[in-house]
């Protein structure tokens, strides 16, 4: 019998994935010589335009909306991730492999099939290598979240 409900597994893996991606965004923006907040704020470009990437401070309009948008998107991808893992216990290797696959699909969908206005917007602040690292951080967080949620 399944111990942790599907919705709880999605919430755990999606939230952990969002938090690790956010931590990566903050650090990588700083490494790129930008304000750490710009990498979060840029995701609000769907509402405020490309100028959102230039906002260097944390504020409700850009930072909260940017973080909330990214968190919601990560929860969306966690639905597919958890569905692919199925019910019951999973090994760390399996959780990570499926998370990497899910994150790769998310990156392709985000930057090949999504209209520019609705992409994460990270390309305004980060180079492609850093963006890849953010998706990798999301995968690590998702795997960690699902292992935490499924622990007995």
C-alpha atoms as a PDB file:
ATOM      1  CA  UNK A   1       0.000   0.000   0.000  1.00  0.00           C
ATOM      2  CA  UNK A   2       1.179   3.496  -0.869  1.00  0.00           C
ATOM      3  CA  UNK A   3       2.266   5.386   2.242  1.00  0.00           C
ATOM      4  CA  UNK A   4       2.659   8.900   0.867  1.00  0.00           C
ATOM      5  CA  UNK A   5      -0.185  10.295  -1.268  1.00  0.00           C
ATOM      6  CA  UNK A   6       0.646  11.394  -4.813  1.00  0.00           C
ATOM      7  CA  UNK A   7      -0.122  15.060  -4.095  1.00  0.00           C
ATOM      8  CA  UNK A   8       2.297  15.048  -1.153  1.00  0.00           C
ATOM      9  CA  UNK A   9       5.029  13.477  -3.272  1.00  0.00           C
ATOM     10  CA  UNK A  10       4.478  16.099  -5.972  1.00  0.00           C
ATOM     11  CA  UNK A  11       4.568  18.880  -3.371  1.00  0.00           C
ATOM     12  CA  UNK A  12       7.791  17.527  -1.875  1.00  0.00           C
ATOM     13  CA  UNK A  13       9.704  16.888  -5.088  1.00  0.00           C
ATOM     14  CA  UNK A  14       8.439  20.083  -6.730  1.00  0.00           C
ATOM     15  CA  UNK A  15       9.200  22.243  -3.717  1.00  0.00           C
ATOM     16  CA  UNK A  16      12.655  20.776  -3.159  1.00  0.00           C
ATOM     17  CA  UNK A  17      13.346  21.194  -6.884  1.00  0.00           C
ATOM     18  CA  UNK A  18      12.191  24.796  -6.798  1.00  0.00           C
ATOM     19  CA  UNK A  19      14.315  25.602  -3.757  1.00  0.00           C
ATOM     20  CA  UNK A  20      17.486  24.071  -5.186  1.00  0.00           C
ATOM     21  CA  UNK A  21      16.921  25.795  -8.539  1.00  0.00           C
ATOM     22  CA  UNK A  22      16.387  29.095  -6.725  1.00  0.00           C
ATOM     23  CA  UNK A  23      19.582  28.646  -4.719  1.00  0.00           C
ATOM     24  CA  UNK A  24      21.447  27.932  -7.970  1.00  0.00           C
ATOM     25  CA  UNK A  25      19.918  30.998  -9.623  1.00  0.00           C
ATOM     26  CA  UNK A  26      20.983  33.250  -6.752  1.00  0.00           C
ATOM     27  CA  UNK A  27      24.547  31.930  -6.733  1.00  0.00           C
ATOM     28  CA  UNK A  28      25.023  31.800 -10.489  1.00  0.00           C
ATOM     29  CA  UNK A  29      23.735  35.350 -10.976  1.00  0.00           C
ATOM     30  CA  UNK A  30      26.265  36.550  -8.417  1.00  0.00           C
ATOM     31  CA  UNK A  31      29.050  34.619 -10.196  1.00  0.00           C
ATOM     32  CA  UNK A  32      27.934  36.259 -13.468  1.00  0.00           C
ATOM     33  CA  UNK A  33      28.399  39.681 -11.860  1.00  0.00           C
ATOM     34  CA  UNK A  34      24.695  40.380 -11.514  1.00  0.00           C
ATOM     35  CA  UNK A  35      22.578  40.981  -8.467  1.00  0.00           C
ATOM     36  CA  UNK A  36      21.420  37.598  -7.142  1.00  0.00           C
ATOM     37  CA  UNK A  37      17.844  38.867  -7.286  1.00  0.00           C
ATOM     38  CA  UNK A  38      17.971  39.501 -11.030  1.00  0.00           C
ATOM     39  CA  UNK A  39      17.867  35.767 -11.775  1.00  0.00           C
ATOM     40  CA  UNK A  40      14.679  35.435  -9.733  1.00  0.00           C
ATOM     41  CA  UNK A  41      13.142  38.713 -10.899  1.00  0.00           C
ATOM     42  CA  UNK A  42      13.654  37.883 -14.565  1.00  0.00           C
ATOM     43  CA  UNK A  43      11.068  35.097 -14.391  1.00  0.00           C
ATOM     44  CA  UNK A  44       8.426  37.781 -13.828  1.00  0.00           C
ATOM     45  CA  UNK A  45       9.117  39.038 -17.371  1.00  0.00           C
ATOM     46  CA  UNK A  46       5.867  37.419 -18.491  1.00  0.00           C
ATOM     47  CA  UNK A  47       4.070  40.179 -16.549  1.00  0.00           C
ATOM     48  CA  UNK A  48       6.560  43.083 -16.614  1.00  0.00           C
ATOM     49  CA  UNK A  49       8.515  42.584 -19.834  1.00  0.00           C
ATOM     50  CA  UNK A  50      12.245  42.096 -20.281  1.00  0.00           C
ATOM     51  CA  UNK A  51      12.927  45.021 -17.932  1.00  0.00           C
ATOM     52  CA  UNK A  52      12.230  42.615 -15.042  1.00  0.00           C
ATOM     53  CA  UNK A  53      15.717  41.171 -15.596  1.00  0.00           C
ATOM     54  CA  UNK A  54      17.261  44.541 -14.766  1.00  0.00           C
ATOM     55  CA  UNK A  55      15.662  44.903 -11.324  1.00  0.00           C
ATOM     56  CA  UNK A  56      18.581  44.370  -8.894  1.00  0.00           C
ATOM     57  CA  UNK A  57      16.654  44.287  -5.616  1.00  0.00           C
ATOM     58  CA  UNK A  58      14.112  42.001  -4.020  1.00  0.00           C
ATOM     59  CA  UNK A  59      10.579  43.336  -4.234  1.00  0.00           C
ATOM     60  CA  UNK A  60       7.078  41.975  -4.165  1.00  0.00           C
ATOM     61  CA  UNK A  61       6.226  42.707  -7.801  1.00  0.00           C
ATOM     62  CA  UNK A  62       9.255  41.020  -9.348  1.00  0.00           C
ATOM     63  CA  UNK A  63      10.813  38.671  -6.815  1.00  0.00           C
ATOM     64  CA  UNK A  64       7.643  37.191  -5.346  1.00  0.00           C
ATOM     65  CA  UNK A  65       6.052  36.824  -8.787  1.00  0.00           C
ATOM     66  CA  UNK A  66       9.269  35.401 -10.273  1.00  0.00           C
ATOM     67  CA  UNK A  67       9.724  32.916  -7.455  1.00  0.00           C
ATOM     68  CA  UNK A  68       6.030  31.980  -7.445  1.00  0.00           C
ATOM     69  CA  UNK A  69       6.044  31.438 -11.202  1.00  0.00           C
ATOM     70  CA  UNK A  70       9.132  29.231 -11.038  1.00  0.00           C
ATOM     71  CA  UNK A  71       7.753  27.313  -8.065  1.00  0.00           C
ATOM     72  CA  UNK A  72       4.467  26.663  -9.879  1.00  0.00           C
ATOM     73  CA  UNK A  73       6.347  25.520 -12.986  1.00  0.00           C
ATOM     74  CA  UNK A  74       8.488  23.151 -10.943  1.00  0.00           C
ATOM     75  CA  UNK A  75       5.380  21.700  -9.299  1.00  0.00           C
ATOM     76  CA  UNK A  76       3.941  21.202 -12.793  1.00  0.00           C
ATOM     77  CA  UNK A  77       7.023  19.210 -13.858  1.00  0.00           C
ATOM     78  CA  UNK A  78       6.929  17.282 -10.577  1.00  0.00           C
ATOM     79  CA  UNK A  79       3.523  15.896 -11.614  1.00  0.00           C
ATOM     80  CA  UNK A  80       5.141  14.117 -14.578  1.00  0.00           C
ATOM     81  CA  UNK A  81       8.207  13.175 -12.565  1.00  0.00           C
ATOM     82  CA  UNK A  82       6.227  11.520  -9.769  1.00  0.00           C
ATOM     83  CA  UNK A  83       3.914   9.832 -12.262  1.00  0.00           C
ATOM     84  CA  UNK A  84       6.957   8.372 -14.038  1.00  0.00           C
ATOM     85  CA  UNK A  85       8.369   7.067 -10.750  1.00  0.00           C
ATOM     86  CA  UNK A  86       5.134   5.320  -9.872  1.00  0.00           C
ATOM     87  CA  UNK A  87       4.076   4.200  -6.418  1.00  0.00           C
ATOM     88  CA  UNK A  88       6.220   2.739  -3.712  1.00  0.00           C
ATOM     89  CA  UNK A  89       9.883   2.993  -2.843  1.00  0.00           C
ATOM     90  CA  UNK A  90      12.501   4.057  -5.390  1.00  0.00           C
ATOM     91  CA  UNK A  91      16.270   3.886  -5.305  1.00  0.00           C
ATOM     92  CA  UNK A  92      18.298   7.102  -5.227  1.00  0.00           C
ATOM     93  CA  UNK A  93      19.741   6.215  -8.649  1.00  0.00           C
ATOM     94  CA  UNK A  94      16.279   5.771 -10.149  1.00  0.00           C
ATOM     95  CA  UNK A  95      14.979   8.985  -8.559  1.00  0.00           C
ATOM     96  CA  UNK A  96      17.954  10.922  -9.914  1.00  0.00           C
ATOM     97  CA  UNK A  97      17.784   9.385 -13.392  1.00  0.00           C
ATOM     98  CA  UNK A  98      14.091  10.201 -13.754  1.00  0.00           C
ATOM     99  CA  UNK A  99      14.650  13.692 -12.319  1.00  0.00           C
ATOM    100  CA  UNK A 100      17.443  14.360 -14.834  1.00  0.00           C
ATOM    101  CA  UNK A 101      15.170  13.203 -17.649  1.00  0.00           C
ATOM    102  CA  UNK A 102      12.300  15.348 -16.407  1.00  0.00           C
ATOM    103  CA  UNK A 103      14.557  18.367 -16.037  1.00  0.00           C
ATOM    104  CA  UNK A 104      15.938  17.883 -19.553  1.00  0.00           C
ATOM    105  CA  UNK A 105      12.416  17.726 -20.976  1.00  0.00           C
ATOM    106  CA  UNK A 106      11.504  20.854 -18.987  1.00  0.00           C
ATOM    107  CA  UNK A 107      14.497  22.717 -20.449  1.00  0.00           C
ATOM    108  CA  UNK A 108      13.614  21.683 -23.996  1.00  0.00           C
ATOM    109  CA  UNK A 109       9.965  22.629 -23.579  1.00  0.00           C
ATOM    110  CA  UNK A 110      10.854  25.902 -21.829  1.00  0.00           C
ATOM    111  CA  UNK A 111      13.294  27.076 -24.483  1.00  0.00           C
ATOM    112  CA  UNK A 112      12.189  25.367 -27.712  1.00  0.00           C
ATOM    113  CA  UNK A 113       8.395  25.212 -27.553  1.00  0.00           C
ATOM    114  CA  UNK A 114       7.299  27.909 -25.108  1.00  0.00           C
ATOM    115  CA  UNK A 115       6.650  31.426 -26.430  1.00  0.00           C
ATOM    116  CA  UNK A 116       9.509  33.736 -25.367  1.00  0.00           C
ATOM    117  CA  UNK A 117       7.219  35.752 -23.087  1.00  0.00           C
ATOM    118  CA  UNK A 118       6.546  32.630 -21.001  1.00  0.00           C
ATOM    119  CA  UNK A 119      10.053  31.156 -20.759  1.00  0.00           C
ATOM    120  CA  UNK A 120      11.819  31.290 -17.385  1.00  0.00           C
ATOM    121  CA  UNK A 121      13.700  34.324 -18.708  1.00  0.00           C
ATOM    122  CA  UNK A 122      17.027  33.175 -17.303  1.00  0.00           C
ATOM    123  CA  UNK A 123      18.682  33.855 -20.646  1.00  0.00           C
ATOM    124  CA  UNK A 124      18.431  37.579 -19.848  1.00  0.00           C
ATOM    125  CA  UNK A 125      20.772  37.106 -16.859  1.00  0.00           C
ATOM    126  CA  UNK A 126      22.682  33.821 -17.286  1.00  0.00           C
ATOM    127  CA  UNK A 127      24.625  32.080 -20.030  1.00  0.00           C
ATOM    128  CA  UNK A 128      23.602  28.630 -21.322  1.00  0.00           C
ATOM    129  CA  UNK A 129      26.052  26.793 -19.073  1.00  0.00           C
ATOM    130  CA  UNK A 130      24.631  28.441 -15.977  1.00  0.00           C
ATOM    131  CA  UNK A 131      21.083  27.770 -17.158  1.00  0.00           C
ATOM    132  CA  UNK A 132      21.989  24.086 -17.562  1.00  0.00           C
ATOM    133  CA  UNK A 133      23.304  24.116 -13.994  1.00  0.00           C
ATOM    134  CA  UNK A 134      19.971  25.495 -12.768  1.00  0.00           C
ATOM    135  CA  UNK A 135      18.098  22.632 -14.435  1.00  0.00           C
ATOM    136  CA  UNK A 136      20.606  20.191 -12.896  1.00  0.00           C
ATOM    137  CA  UNK A 137      19.995  21.736  -9.473  1.00  0.00           C
ATOM    138  CA  UNK A 138      16.261  21.330 -10.030  1.00  0.00           C
ATOM    139  CA  UNK A 139      16.817  17.639 -10.823  1.00  0.00           C
ATOM    140  CA  UNK A 140      18.883  17.108  -7.671  1.00  0.00           C
ATOM    141  CA  UNK A 141      16.231  18.812  -5.579  1.00  0.00           C
ATOM    142  CA  UNK A 142      13.405  16.828  -7.113  1.00  0.00           C
ATOM    143  CA  UNK A 143      15.229  13.564  -6.464  1.00  0.00           C
ATOM    144  CA  UNK A 144      15.976  14.611  -2.900  1.00  0.00           C
ATOM    145  CA  UNK A 145      12.400  15.671  -2.345  1.00  0.00           C
ATOM    146  CA  UNK A 146      10.953  12.406  -3.539  1.00  0.00           C
ATOM    147  CA  UNK A 147      13.386  10.355  -1.452  1.00  0.00           C
ATOM    148  CA  UNK A 148      12.480  12.448   1.588  1.00  0.00           C
ATOM    149  CA  UNK A 149       8.733  12.073   0.915  1.00  0.00           C
ATOM    150  CA  UNK A 150       8.973   8.317   0.390  1.00  0.00           C
ATOM    151  CA  UNK A 151      11.168   7.512   3.391  1.00  0.00           C
ATOM    152  CA  UNK A 152       9.700   4.954   5.688  1.00  0.00           C
END
